[in-house]
Amino acid sequence: MKYRVKYGVFALLAVGLFAFSSCQEEPLTGTVLAEPESMTELDLWIDTVYRQSYNIRVQYKWDEADTDHGHDIVPPKLELVQPFLKVVKKVWGEPYVEVSSIGDEFLRQYSFRELKLIGSGSWQNTSVTLGLAEGGYKITLYTVNDFDLEAGVPRNALQQFFQTMHHEFGHILNQRKKYDEQFKNISGGYVASWTSFADTTALQRGFVSAYSMSGDGEDFVEILAHYVCRTAEEWEELLAPLPPYTAERLLMYEESRRMIDEKLQVVRSYMQDSYGVDIDQLRDAILRNIDEVANGDLE
């Protein structure tokens, strides 16, 4: 399933939103990717930084056979590819390497195997797909041409953009090792019609976003991604009650917060017990690197 942003409701990277899709639950293989035969200087850099380090192949060149002809898309601008990939590495990959006891091997074992870059969003009528994960093996990132890091990208846009990458990677980790099935019973309330709910309404029902309501798998990774891409203060702001502050509404928010805290604890224990990753240390690394990128440091 694709998660689209409706044009006119959200801007693209002006507000940093980055849509995503849920992943099929398929096991990843441990295949080591072969070295490409013919490479440019950019290809050589990508091969060293991504394939050799993380066992990830990057596809940025236009491939007519590998595009969705039902959508209007364009290839990424060549000059933006390397800066973009530097930030993907810094804000998504390096924090896991830093906090894991096995370093680079963590991503070599557990990451997706192909990263595809598209210059524009994938438009269809009035909605746009900004990100897509396929079968736990491949992630496609859209709007690369709007992500001009040399000109600067606001911190909040970086937070929202990479929240999606951490969401999708959460799916891949879940495919490797299952989380406690009791997670889905903490709040319940999952619905196919999640698009008809506002995030504020979802919060009152024990969810960090409306998309969390689409199923327990999305709920799990939404909590993970929202948590690690926000400061402690921003997390509290996300969950804060909204007016009017009637006694009834405050009790509703209190129960919602209890459910979210309980689900967060499941996420915390899962990441620590299954992968040896402390999500608070992970959050510190992600936010530090986001701040550095926002200040112009892409390395």
Protein backbone atom coordinates (compact mmCIF):
# COMPACT_ATOMS: atom_id res chain seq x y z
CA MET A 1 0.00 0.00 0.00
CA LYS A 2 1.25 3.47 -0.88
CA TYR A 3 0.89 6.40 1.44
CA ARG A 4 0.22 9.57 -0.54
CA VAL A 5 0.20 13.23 0.38
CA LYS A 6 -2.66 15.27 -1.02
CA TYR A 7 -1.47 18.36 -2.86
CA GLY A 8 -2.71 21.51 -1.20
CA VAL A 9 -2.84 19.88 2.23
CA PHE A 10 0.90 19.38 2.55
CA ALA A 11 3.76 20.98 0.65
CA LEU A 12 6.64 18.85 -0.49
CA LEU A 13 9.91 19.63 1.24
CA ALA A 14 8.71 23.05 2.23
CA VAL A 15 7.37 21.35 5.32
CA GLY A 16 9.54 18.29 4.95
CA LEU A 17 6.82 15.67 4.70
CA PHE A 18 7.83 12.43 3.10
CA ALA A 19 5.22 9.78 2.41
CA PHE A 20 5.81 6.07 2.82
CA SER A 21 4.36 2.65 2.19
CA SER A 22 4.07 -0.41 4.33
CA CYS A 23 6.39 -3.31 3.58
CA GLN A 24 5.51 -6.88 2.80
CA GLU A 25 6.67 -9.32 5.42
CA GLU A 26 9.31 -11.20 3.48
CA PRO A 27 12.70 -12.32 4.83
CA LEU A 28 15.75 -10.55 3.44
CA THR A 29 18.56 -12.52 1.93
CA GLY A 30 22.17 -12.19 2.98
CA THR A 31 23.42 -12.01 -0.60
CA VAL A 32 26.49 -9.85 -1.09
CA LEU A 33 25.95 -7.57 -4.06
CA ALA A 34 28.36 -7.88 -6.98
CA GLU A 35 30.52 -4.95 -8.08
CA PRO A 36 29.16 -3.08 -11.15
CA GLU A 37 31.23 -3.45 -14.32
CA SER A 38 31.44 0.14 -15.62
CA MET A 39 31.48 3.09 -13.24
CA THR A 40 31.82 6.87 -13.34
CA GLU A 41 33.53 8.86 -10.60
CA LEU A 42 30.16 9.18 -8.85
CA ASP A 43 29.57 5.45 -9.26
CA LEU A 44 32.95 4.71 -7.70
CA TRP A 45 32.09 6.89 -4.70
CA ILE A 46 28.69 5.21 -4.30
CA ASP A 47 30.25 1.77 -4.64
CA THR A 48 32.77 2.51 -1.88
CA VAL A 49 30.39 4.27 0.51
CA TYR A 50 27.25 2.17 0.02
CA ARG A 51 27.95 -1.22 -1.57
CA GLN A 52 31.26 -2.00 0.07
CA SER A 53 30.33 -0.52 3.46
CA TYR A 54 26.65 -1.46 3.77
CA ASN A 55 25.98 -3.91 0.92
CA ILE A 56 23.47 -1.45 -0.62
CA ARG A 57 23.20 -0.78 -4.35
CA VAL A 58 22.11 2.74 -5.31
CA GLN A 59 20.14 3.28 -8.51
CA TYR A 60 20.00 6.91 -9.63
CA LYS A 61 20.23 6.60 -13.42
CA TRP A 62 17.03 6.74 -15.42
CA ASP A 63 15.68 3.32 -16.28
CA GLU A 64 12.53 3.50 -18.42
CA ALA A 65 11.81 -0.16 -17.82
CA ASP A 66 11.79 0.34 -14.06
CA THR A 67 9.34 3.23 -13.79
CA ASP A 68 5.63 3.45 -13.13
CA HIS A 69 4.13 4.73 -16.36
CA GLY A 70 0.95 5.72 -14.54
CA HIS A 71 2.82 8.50 -12.73
CA ASP A 72 4.65 11.64 -13.86
CA ILE A 73 8.22 11.45 -12.56
CA VAL A 74 11.63 12.79 -13.57
CA PRO A 75 15.17 11.58 -12.82
CA PRO A 76 17.31 13.18 -10.10
CA LYS A 77 19.63 16.02 -11.05
CA LEU A 78 23.10 14.55 -11.24
CA GLU A 79 24.71 17.29 -9.13
CA LEU A 80 22.30 16.60 -6.25
CA VAL A 81 22.83 12.83 -6.05
CA GLN A 82 26.07 12.75 -4.04
CA PRO A 83 25.09 15.45 -1.49
CA PHE A 84 21.75 13.70 -1.01
CA LEU A 85 23.39 10.32 -0.46
CA LYS A 86 25.86 11.81 2.00
CA VAL A 87 22.97 12.96 4.15
CA VAL A 88 21.11 9.65 3.84
CA LYS A 89 24.25 7.96 5.13
CA LYS A 90 24.73 10.49 7.91
CA VAL A 91 21.17 10.76 9.22
CA TRP A 92 19.94 7.24 8.58
CA GLY A 93 22.89 4.82 8.38
CA GLU A 94 25.59 6.20 10.66
CA PRO A 95 23.44 6.42 13.82
CA TYR A 96 22.74 2.67 13.70
CA VAL A 97 26.41 1.95 13.05
CA GLU A 98 27.38 4.21 15.97
CA VAL A 99 25.10 2.67 18.59
CA SER A 100 25.40 -0.96 17.47
CA SER A 101 28.17 -3.07 18.95
CA ILE A 102 28.79 -4.63 15.50
CA GLY A 103 29.24 -1.33 13.64
CA ASP A 104 28.99 -1.46 9.84
CA GLU A 105 28.02 -5.10 10.05
CA PHE A 106 24.67 -4.08 11.50
CA LEU A 107 23.56 -2.50 8.21
CA ARG A 108 25.27 -5.14 6.11
CA GLN A 109 23.13 -7.74 7.83
CA TYR A 110 19.83 -5.94 8.31
CA SER A 111 19.48 -3.19 5.71
CA PHE A 112 17.52 -3.13 2.47
CA ARG A 113 19.65 -3.98 -0.57
CA GLU A 114 18.67 -1.34 -3.13
CA LEU A 115 18.08 2.39 -2.82
CA LYS A 116 16.44 4.04 -5.84
CA LEU A 117 16.39 7.82 -6.31
CA ILE A 118 13.73 9.76 -8.24
CA GLY A 119 13.96 13.51 -8.85
CA SER A 120 10.30 14.41 -8.42
CA GLY A 121 7.36 13.17 -6.44
CA SER A 122 5.23 10.48 -8.05
CA TRP A 123 2.09 12.37 -9.02
CA GLN A 124 -1.31 10.90 -9.79
CA ASN A 125 -4.24 13.29 -10.01
CA THR A 126 -3.99 15.45 -6.87
CA SER A 127 -1.90 13.10 -4.71
CA VAL A 128 1.82 12.46 -4.65
CA THR A 129 3.83 9.49 -3.45
CA LEU A 130 7.10 10.66 -1.89
CA GLY A 131 8.49 7.32 -0.77
CA LEU A 132 7.93 3.65 -1.40
CA ALA A 133 9.26 0.45 0.12
CA GLU A 134 9.01 -2.81 -1.78
CA GLY A 135 9.20 -6.23 -0.20
CA GLY A 136 11.79 -5.27 2.40
CA TYR A 137 14.43 -5.30 -0.32
CA LYS A 138 14.16 -1.94 -2.05
CA ILE A 139 13.36 1.62 -1.01
CA THR A 140 12.56 4.38 -3.50
CA LEU A 141 13.09 7.98 -2.41
CA TYR A 142 11.33 10.72 -4.38
CA THR A 143 11.75 14.54 -4.56
CA VAL A 144 15.56 14.40 -4.64
CA ASN A 145 15.53 17.52 -6.88
CA ASP A 146 13.79 19.49 -4.11
CA PHE A 147 16.41 18.45 -1.59
CA ASP A 148 19.13 21.00 -2.38
CA LEU A 149 21.47 20.49 0.56
CA GLU A 150 24.08 22.91 -0.70
CA ALA A 151 21.46 25.69 -0.52
CA GLY A 152 20.34 24.44 2.87
CA VAL A 153 17.38 22.48 4.20
CA PRO A 154 15.56 23.50 7.42
CA ARG A 155 16.01 21.28 10.46
CA ASN A 156 12.31 20.45 10.71
CA ALA A 157 12.27 19.37 7.05
CA LEU A 158 15.21 17.05 7.68
CA GLN A 159 13.44 15.59 10.71
CA GLN A 160 10.27 14.86 8.78
CA PHE A 161 12.12 13.58 5.71
CA PHE A 162 14.25 11.06 7.56
CA GLN A 163 11.45 10.06 9.88
CA THR A 164 10.19 8.08 6.88
CA MET A 165 13.49 6.30 6.33
CA HIS A 166 13.56 5.21 9.95
CA HIS A 167 9.93 4.13 9.62
CA GLU A 168 10.74 1.91 6.64
CA PHE A 169 13.86 0.51 8.24
CA GLY A 170 11.75 -0.36 11.26
CA HIS A 171 9.64 -2.55 8.97
CA ILE A 172 12.75 -4.34 7.75
CA LEU A 173 13.91 -4.99 11.31
CA ASN A 174 10.45 -6.34 12.13
CA GLN A 175 10.73 -8.74 9.19
CA ARG A 176 13.97 -10.06 10.61
CA LYS A 177 12.69 -10.49 14.14
CA LYS A 178 9.06 -10.32 15.21
CA TYR A 179 7.86 -8.10 18.01
CA ASP A 180 5.51 -9.20 20.80
CA GLU A 181 2.07 -9.91 19.32
CA GLN A 182 0.45 -8.41 22.41
CA PHE A 183 1.52 -5.00 21.08
CA LYS A 184 -1.58 -4.87 18.88
CA ASN A 185 -3.86 -5.29 21.89
CA ILE A 186 -2.57 -2.27 23.81
CA SER A 187 -4.79 0.21 22.00
CA GLY A 188 -6.53 -1.83 19.30
CA GLY A 189 -8.69 0.38 17.11
CA TYR A 190 -6.96 -0.33 13.80
CA VAL A 191 -9.02 0.67 10.77
CA ALA A 192 -8.74 0.47 6.99
CA SER A 193 -10.24 3.96 6.72
CA TRP A 194 -7.34 5.69 8.51
CA THR A 195 -7.19 8.38 5.81
CA SER A 196 -10.47 9.80 7.10
CA PHE A 197 -8.88 10.60 10.48
CA ALA A 198 -6.80 13.63 11.39
CA ASP A 199 -3.59 13.14 13.36
CA THR A 200 -5.16 15.04 16.25
CA THR A 201 -8.07 12.61 16.34
CA ALA A 202 -5.70 9.64 16.19
CA LEU A 203 -3.77 11.04 19.17
CA GLN A 204 -6.92 11.01 21.26
CA ARG A 205 -7.25 7.27 20.52
CA GLY A 206 -3.72 6.25 21.50
CA PHE A 207 -1.83 6.73 18.21
CA VAL A 208 1.03 9.08 17.29
CA SER A 209 -0.42 9.61 13.78
CA ALA A 210 -3.45 8.71 11.70
CA TYR A 211 -1.31 6.33 9.66
CA SER A 212 -0.57 4.39 12.86
CA MET A 213 -4.23 3.41 12.88
CA SER A 214 -3.87 1.39 9.65
CA GLY A 215 -2.41 -1.65 11.44
CA ASP A 216 -0.18 -2.73 14.30
CA GLY A 217 2.88 -3.01 12.03
CA GLU A 218 2.54 0.63 10.99
CA ASP A 219 1.74 1.62 14.55
CA PHE A 220 4.96 0.00 15.79
CA VAL A 221 7.29 1.68 13.28
CA GLU A 222 5.48 5.02 13.49
CA ILE A 223 6.20 5.13 17.22
CA LEU A 224 9.84 4.21 16.57
CA ALA A 225 10.31 6.77 13.79
CA HIS A 226 8.50 9.62 15.54
CA TYR A 227 10.43 8.99 18.75
CA VAL A 228 13.95 8.81 17.33
CA CYS A 229 13.49 11.87 15.11
CA ARG A 230 12.28 14.18 17.89
CA THR A 231 13.91 15.66 20.96
CA ALA A 232 12.39 14.81 24.34
CA GLU A 233 10.69 18.20 24.32
CA GLU A 234 9.33 17.70 20.80
CA TRP A 235 8.02 14.25 21.75
CA GLU A 236 6.14 15.76 24.69
CA GLU A 237 4.78 18.48 22.43
CA LEU A 238 3.54 15.86 19.96
CA LEU A 239 1.57 14.09 22.72
CA ALA A 240 0.34 17.17 24.56
CA PRO A 241 -3.44 17.59 25.04
CA LEU A 242 -5.17 20.13 22.82
CA PRO A 243 -7.87 22.56 23.93
CA PRO A 244 -10.58 22.75 25.08
CA TYR A 245 -9.23 21.43 28.38
CA THR A 246 -12.39 19.92 29.74
CA ALA A 247 -12.15 17.22 32.40
CA GLU A 248 -13.52 14.65 29.96
CA ARG A 249 -10.97 15.50 27.24
CA LEU A 250 -8.08 15.50 29.70
CA LEU A 251 -9.05 12.02 30.90
CA MET A 252 -9.17 10.88 27.26
CA TYR A 253 -5.69 12.26 26.62
CA GLU A 254 -4.43 10.68 29.83
CA GLU A 255 -5.60 7.25 28.65
CA SER A 256 -4.17 7.88 25.18
CA ARG A 257 -0.79 8.78 26.68
CA ARG A 258 -0.85 5.65 28.82
CA MET A 259 -1.34 3.49 25.72
CA ILE A 260 1.36 5.28 23.73
CA ASP A 261 3.83 5.00 26.62
CA GLU A 262 3.08 1.28 26.91
CA LYS A 263 3.60 0.77 23.19
CA LEU A 264 6.81 2.81 23.31
CA GLN A 265 8.11 0.50 26.03
CA VAL A 266 7.47 -2.52 23.78
CA VAL A 267 9.37 -0.78 20.99
CA ARG A 268 12.20 0.12 23.36
CA SER A 269 12.52 -3.44 24.69
CA TYR A 270 12.31 -4.94 21.22
CA MET A 271 15.12 -2.79 19.82
CA GLN A 272 17.33 -3.47 22.84
CA ASP A 273 16.65 -7.20 23.17
CA SER A 274 16.53 -8.06 19.45
CA TYR A 275 19.26 -5.77 18.09
CA GLY A 276 21.17 -4.33 21.02
CA VAL A 277 20.05 -0.82 20.06
CA ASP A 278 19.20 1.73 22.75
CA ILE A 279 16.62 4.00 21.09
CA ASP A 280 17.60 6.96 23.28
CA GLN A 281 21.20 6.69 22.12
CA LEU A 282 19.92 6.24 18.58
CA ARG A 283 17.80 9.38 18.90
CA ASP A 284 20.76 11.37 20.23
CA ALA A 285 22.89 10.32 17.24
CA ILE A 286 20.16 11.04 14.69
CA LEU A 287 19.34 14.48 16.08
CA ARG A 288 23.00 15.45 16.42
CA ASN A 289 23.57 14.57 12.77
CA ILE A 290 20.42 16.38 11.68
CA ASP A 291 21.67 19.50 13.45
CA GLU A 292 25.04 19.19 11.71
CA VAL A 293 23.41 18.82 8.29
CA ALA A 294 21.11 21.80 8.96
CA ASN A 295 24.28 23.79 9.73
CA GLY A 296 25.83 22.77 6.40
CA ASP A 297 28.00 19.81 7.48
CA LEU A 298 27.16 16.95 5.11
CA GLU A 299 30.14 14.75 5.98
